[in-house]
Amino acid sequence: MLKNISPLLSPELLKILCEMGHGDTIVLADANFPSHSLGPQVIHADGIKIPDLLQAIMPLWELDTYVPSPFLMMQAVEGDTLDEDYVAYCSRCLNHLPAFLERFAFYEQAGKAYCIVHTGETRKYGNVILQKGVISA
């Protein structure tokens, strides 16, 4: 047992977050995301919503300040809409506005990630990609 670590962070996810270096990316994928077919290692955070996971991860982590967009979200397909409240909430959790990628460009970036965390998020277009920054002493 550890103090001040969210119980939403499994030992496996803590290990991944620790292993990742500056510039590595992690995908927090919604429940409909094709996590296992894209290539990177996949861990499960079943039943956990992405905003809750963001709140658990961010006290332990820094976003990359050397790139324009360390926070990516999937752009809605024509005819669909994004949940603007969800986008705003994620932005507040990260203190950063997202850049949006077209669906297949998002999948391409996700395929290059260090890890995909398959969550229980059920919102359409709920996926995010985070790029890890430097942790200062």
C-alpha atoms as a PDB file:
ATOM      1  CA  MET A   1       0.000   0.000   0.000  1.00  0.00           C
ATOM      2  CA  LEU A   2       1.233   3.485  -0.841  1.00  0.00           C
ATOM      3  CA  LYS A   3       0.117   6.853   0.488  1.00  0.00           C
ATOM      4  CA  ASN A   4      -1.247   9.573  -1.779  1.00  0.00           C
ATOM      5  CA  ILE A   5      -1.593   7.277  -4.811  1.00  0.00           C
ATOM      6  CA  SER A   6      -5.066   7.064  -6.278  1.00  0.00           C
ATOM      7  CA  PRO A   7      -6.628   3.608  -5.994  1.00  0.00           C
ATOM      8  CA  LEU A   8      -7.613   4.030  -9.677  1.00  0.00           C
ATOM      9  CA  LEU A   9      -3.963   3.503 -10.631  1.00  0.00           C
ATOM     10  CA  SER A  10      -3.196  -0.186 -10.779  1.00  0.00           C
ATOM     11  CA  PRO A  11       0.335  -1.433 -10.062  1.00  0.00           C
ATOM     12  CA  GLU A  12       0.634  -2.206 -13.780  1.00  0.00           C
ATOM     13  CA  LEU A  13      -0.320   1.354 -14.775  1.00  0.00           C
ATOM     14  CA  LEU A  14       2.022   2.869 -12.167  1.00  0.00           C
ATOM     15  CA  LYS A  15       4.849   0.770 -13.604  1.00  0.00           C
ATOM     16  CA  ILE A  16       4.055   1.991 -17.142  1.00  0.00           C
ATOM     17  CA  LEU A  17       3.916   5.642 -16.044  1.00  0.00           C
ATOM     18  CA  CYS A  18       7.271   5.231 -14.302  1.00  0.00           C
ATOM     19  CA  GLU A  19       8.926   3.472 -17.250  1.00  0.00           C
ATOM     20  CA  MET A  20       7.879   6.102 -19.768  1.00  0.00           C
ATOM     21  CA  GLY A  21      10.434   8.740 -20.662  1.00  0.00           C
ATOM     22  CA  HIS A  22      10.268  12.286 -21.960  1.00  0.00           C
ATOM     23  CA  GLY A  23       8.403  12.336 -25.260  1.00  0.00           C
ATOM     24  CA  ASP A  24       6.717   8.952 -24.835  1.00  0.00           C
ATOM     25  CA  THR A  25       2.964   8.916 -25.338  1.00  0.00           C
ATOM     26  CA  ILE A  26       0.151   7.061 -23.639  1.00  0.00           C
ATOM     27  CA  VAL A  27      -3.377   6.592 -24.935  1.00  0.00           C
ATOM     28  CA  LEU A  28      -6.331   6.632 -22.586  1.00  0.00           C
ATOM     29  CA  ALA A  29      -8.797   4.831 -24.805  1.00  0.00           C
ATOM     30  CA  ASP A  30     -12.545   4.662 -24.543  1.00  0.00           C
ATOM     31  CA  ALA A  31     -14.404   1.365 -24.314  1.00  0.00           C
ATOM     32  CA  ASN A  32     -15.023   1.246 -28.094  1.00  0.00           C
ATOM     33  CA  PHE A  33     -11.413   1.919 -29.134  1.00  0.00           C
ATOM     34  CA  PRO A  34      -9.594  -0.808 -31.143  1.00  0.00           C
ATOM     35  CA  SER A  35      -6.852  -1.015 -28.513  1.00  0.00           C
ATOM     36  CA  HIS A  36      -5.571  -4.527 -29.160  1.00  0.00           C
ATOM     37  CA  SER A  37      -5.311  -4.239 -32.942  1.00  0.00           C
ATOM     38  CA  LEU A  38      -3.027  -1.177 -33.035  1.00  0.00           C
ATOM     39  CA  GLY A  39       0.171  -2.778 -31.754  1.00  0.00           C
ATOM     40  CA  PRO A  40       1.328  -1.185 -28.489  1.00  0.00           C
ATOM     41  CA  GLN A  41       0.992  -2.964 -25.171  1.00  0.00           C
ATOM     42  CA  VAL A  42      -2.500  -2.684 -23.718  1.00  0.00           C
ATOM     43  CA  ILE A  43      -3.515  -2.597 -20.086  1.00  0.00           C
ATOM     44  CA  HIS A  44      -7.060  -2.467 -18.797  1.00  0.00           C
ATOM     45  CA  ALA A  45      -8.667   0.064 -16.515  1.00  0.00           C
ATOM     46  CA  ASP A  46     -12.126  -1.432 -16.907  1.00  0.00           C
ATOM     47  CA  GLY A  47     -14.964   0.583 -15.457  1.00  0.00           C
ATOM     48  CA  ILE A  48     -12.826   3.700 -14.974  1.00  0.00           C
ATOM     49  CA  LYS A  49     -13.774   6.913 -16.786  1.00  0.00           C
ATOM     50  CA  ILE A  50     -11.033   8.924 -18.484  1.00  0.00           C
ATOM     51  CA  PRO A  51     -11.524  12.181 -16.502  1.00  0.00           C
ATOM     52  CA  ASP A  52     -11.106  10.214 -13.257  1.00  0.00           C
ATOM     53  CA  LEU A  53      -7.964   8.601 -14.625  1.00  0.00           C
ATOM     54  CA  LEU A  54      -6.594  11.995 -15.701  1.00  0.00           C
ATOM     55  CA  GLN A  55      -7.092  13.311 -12.170  1.00  0.00           C
ATOM     56  CA  ALA A  56      -5.231  10.295 -10.790  1.00  0.00           C
ATOM     57  CA  ILE A  57      -2.315  10.490 -13.255  1.00  0.00           C
ATOM     58  CA  MET A  58      -1.581  14.206 -13.390  1.00  0.00           C
ATOM     59  CA  PRO A  59      -0.268  14.667  -9.813  1.00  0.00           C
ATOM     60  CA  LEU A  60       2.449  12.135 -10.753  1.00  0.00           C
ATOM     61  CA  TRP A  61       3.300  13.441 -14.206  1.00  0.00           C
ATOM     62  CA  GLU A  62       4.096  16.431 -16.392  1.00  0.00           C
ATOM     63  CA  LEU A  63       2.923  17.066 -19.932  1.00  0.00           C
ATOM     64  CA  ASP A  64       5.661  17.743 -22.476  1.00  0.00           C
ATOM     65  CA  THR A  65       6.338  21.481 -22.675  1.00  0.00           C
ATOM     66  CA  TYR A  66       8.623  21.130 -25.705  1.00  0.00           C
ATOM     67  CA  VAL A  67       5.859  20.306 -28.181  1.00  0.00           C
ATOM     68  CA  PRO A  68       2.881  22.412 -29.277  1.00  0.00           C
ATOM     69  CA  SER A  69       0.295  19.746 -28.389  1.00  0.00           C
ATOM     70  CA  PRO A  70       1.071  17.188 -25.662  1.00  0.00           C
ATOM     71  CA  PHE A  71      -2.682  16.529 -25.373  1.00  0.00           C
ATOM     72  CA  LEU A  72      -4.533  15.098 -28.373  1.00  0.00           C
ATOM     73  CA  MET A  73      -8.160  14.143 -28.835  1.00  0.00           C
ATOM     74  CA  MET A  74     -10.029  12.511 -31.693  1.00  0.00           C
ATOM     75  CA  GLN A  75     -11.920  14.847 -33.977  1.00  0.00           C
ATOM     76  CA  ALA A  76     -15.566  13.979 -34.591  1.00  0.00           C
ATOM     77  CA  VAL A  77     -16.388  12.346 -37.896  1.00  0.00           C
ATOM     78  CA  GLU A  78     -18.516  14.507 -40.184  1.00  0.00           C
ATOM     79  CA  GLY A  79     -22.110  14.378 -38.987  1.00  0.00           C
ATOM     80  CA  ASP A  80     -21.129  13.583 -35.372  1.00  0.00           C
ATOM     81  CA  THR A  81     -20.457  16.019 -32.556  1.00  0.00           C
ATOM     82  CA  LEU A  82     -18.059  16.086 -29.645  1.00  0.00           C
ATOM     83  CA  ASP A  83     -19.248  16.354 -26.069  1.00  0.00           C
ATOM     84  CA  GLU A  84     -17.984  19.896 -25.434  1.00  0.00           C
ATOM     85  CA  ASP A  85     -18.424  19.552 -21.663  1.00  0.00           C
ATOM     86  CA  TYR A  86     -16.174  16.474 -21.741  1.00  0.00           C
ATOM     87  CA  VAL A  87     -13.518  18.288 -23.793  1.00  0.00           C
ATOM     88  CA  ALA A  88     -13.642  21.256 -21.401  1.00  0.00           C
ATOM     89  CA  TYR A  89     -13.386  18.995 -18.338  1.00  0.00           C
ATOM     90  CA  CYS A  90     -10.387  17.096 -19.724  1.00  0.00           C
ATOM     91  CA  SER A  91      -8.771  20.430 -20.599  1.00  0.00           C
ATOM     92  CA  ARG A  92      -9.230  21.645 -17.031  1.00  0.00           C
ATOM     93  CA  CYS A  93      -7.771  18.406 -15.629  1.00  0.00           C
ATOM     94  CA  LEU A  94      -4.676  18.886 -17.786  1.00  0.00           C
ATOM     95  CA  ASN A  95      -4.556  22.674 -17.699  1.00  0.00           C
ATOM     96  CA  HIS A  96      -4.056  22.477 -21.475  1.00  0.00           C
ATOM     97  CA  LEU A  97      -6.217  22.718 -24.575  1.00  0.00           C
ATOM     98  CA  PRO A  98      -6.257  19.688 -26.869  1.00  0.00           C
ATOM     99  CA  ALA A  99      -5.276  19.475 -30.494  1.00  0.00           C
ATOM    100  CA  PHE A 100      -7.704  17.384 -32.528  1.00  0.00           C
ATOM    101  CA  LEU A 101      -6.724  14.648 -34.966  1.00  0.00           C
ATOM    102  CA  GLU A 102      -8.859  13.094 -37.661  1.00  0.00           C
ATOM    103  CA  ARG A 103      -9.947   9.577 -36.679  1.00  0.00           C
ATOM    104  CA  PHE A 104      -7.424   7.604 -38.741  1.00  0.00           C
ATOM    105  CA  ALA A 105      -4.585  10.011 -37.938  1.00  0.00           C
ATOM    106  CA  PHE A 106      -5.447   9.481 -34.268  1.00  0.00           C
ATOM    107  CA  TYR A 107      -5.251   5.701 -34.753  1.00  0.00           C
ATOM    108  CA  GLU A 108      -1.857   6.128 -36.432  1.00  0.00           C
ATOM    109  CA  GLN A 109      -0.531   8.149 -33.482  1.00  0.00           C
ATOM    110  CA  ALA A 110      -2.038   5.658 -31.029  1.00  0.00           C
ATOM    111  CA  GLY A 111      -0.180   2.858 -32.809  1.00  0.00           C
ATOM    112  CA  LYS A 112       3.110   4.598 -31.934  1.00  0.00           C
ATOM    113  CA  ALA A 113       2.271   5.009 -28.241  1.00  0.00           C
ATOM    114  CA  TYR A 114       4.213   3.406 -25.412  1.00  0.00           C
ATOM    115  CA  CYS A 115       0.974   1.973 -24.065  1.00  0.00           C
ATOM    116  CA  ILE A 116      -2.776   2.035 -24.540  1.00  0.00           C
ATOM    117  CA  VAL A 117      -4.921   2.053 -21.416  1.00  0.00           C
ATOM    118  CA  HIS A 118      -8.314   0.599 -22.333  1.00  0.00           C
ATOM    119  CA  THR A 119     -10.835   2.248 -20.013  1.00  0.00           C
ATOM    120  CA  GLY A 120     -14.526   2.015 -19.298  1.00  0.00           C
ATOM    121  CA  GLU A 121     -15.169   5.445 -20.849  1.00  0.00           C
ATOM    122  CA  THR A 122     -18.388   5.254 -22.880  1.00  0.00           C
ATOM    123  CA  ARG A 123     -18.496   8.765 -24.338  1.00  0.00           C
ATOM    124  CA  LYS A 124     -18.092   8.864 -28.086  1.00  0.00           C
ATOM    125  CA  TYR A 125     -14.666  10.305 -29.010  1.00  0.00           C
ATOM    126  CA  GLY A 126     -13.539   9.980 -25.413  1.00  0.00           C
ATOM    127  CA  ASN A 127      -9.964   9.001 -26.333  1.00  0.00           C
ATOM    128  CA  VAL A 128      -6.928  11.086 -25.401  1.00  0.00           C
ATOM    129  CA  ILE A 129      -3.226  10.865 -26.108  1.00  0.00           C
ATOM    130  CA  LEU A 130      -0.809  12.394 -23.606  1.00  0.00           C
ATOM    131  CA  GLN A 131       2.881  13.064 -24.189  1.00  0.00           C
ATOM    132  CA  LYS A 132       5.073  12.823 -21.111  1.00  0.00           C
ATOM    133  CA  GLY A 133       7.341  15.705 -20.250  1.00  0.00           C
ATOM    134  CA  VAL A 134      10.372  16.203 -18.072  1.00  0.00           C
ATOM    135  CA  ILE A 135       9.936  15.798 -14.327  1.00  0.00           C
ATOM    136  CA  SER A 136      12.018  18.473 -12.637  1.00  0.00           C
ATOM    137  CA  ALA A 137      13.889  17.830  -9.411  1.00  0.00           C
END
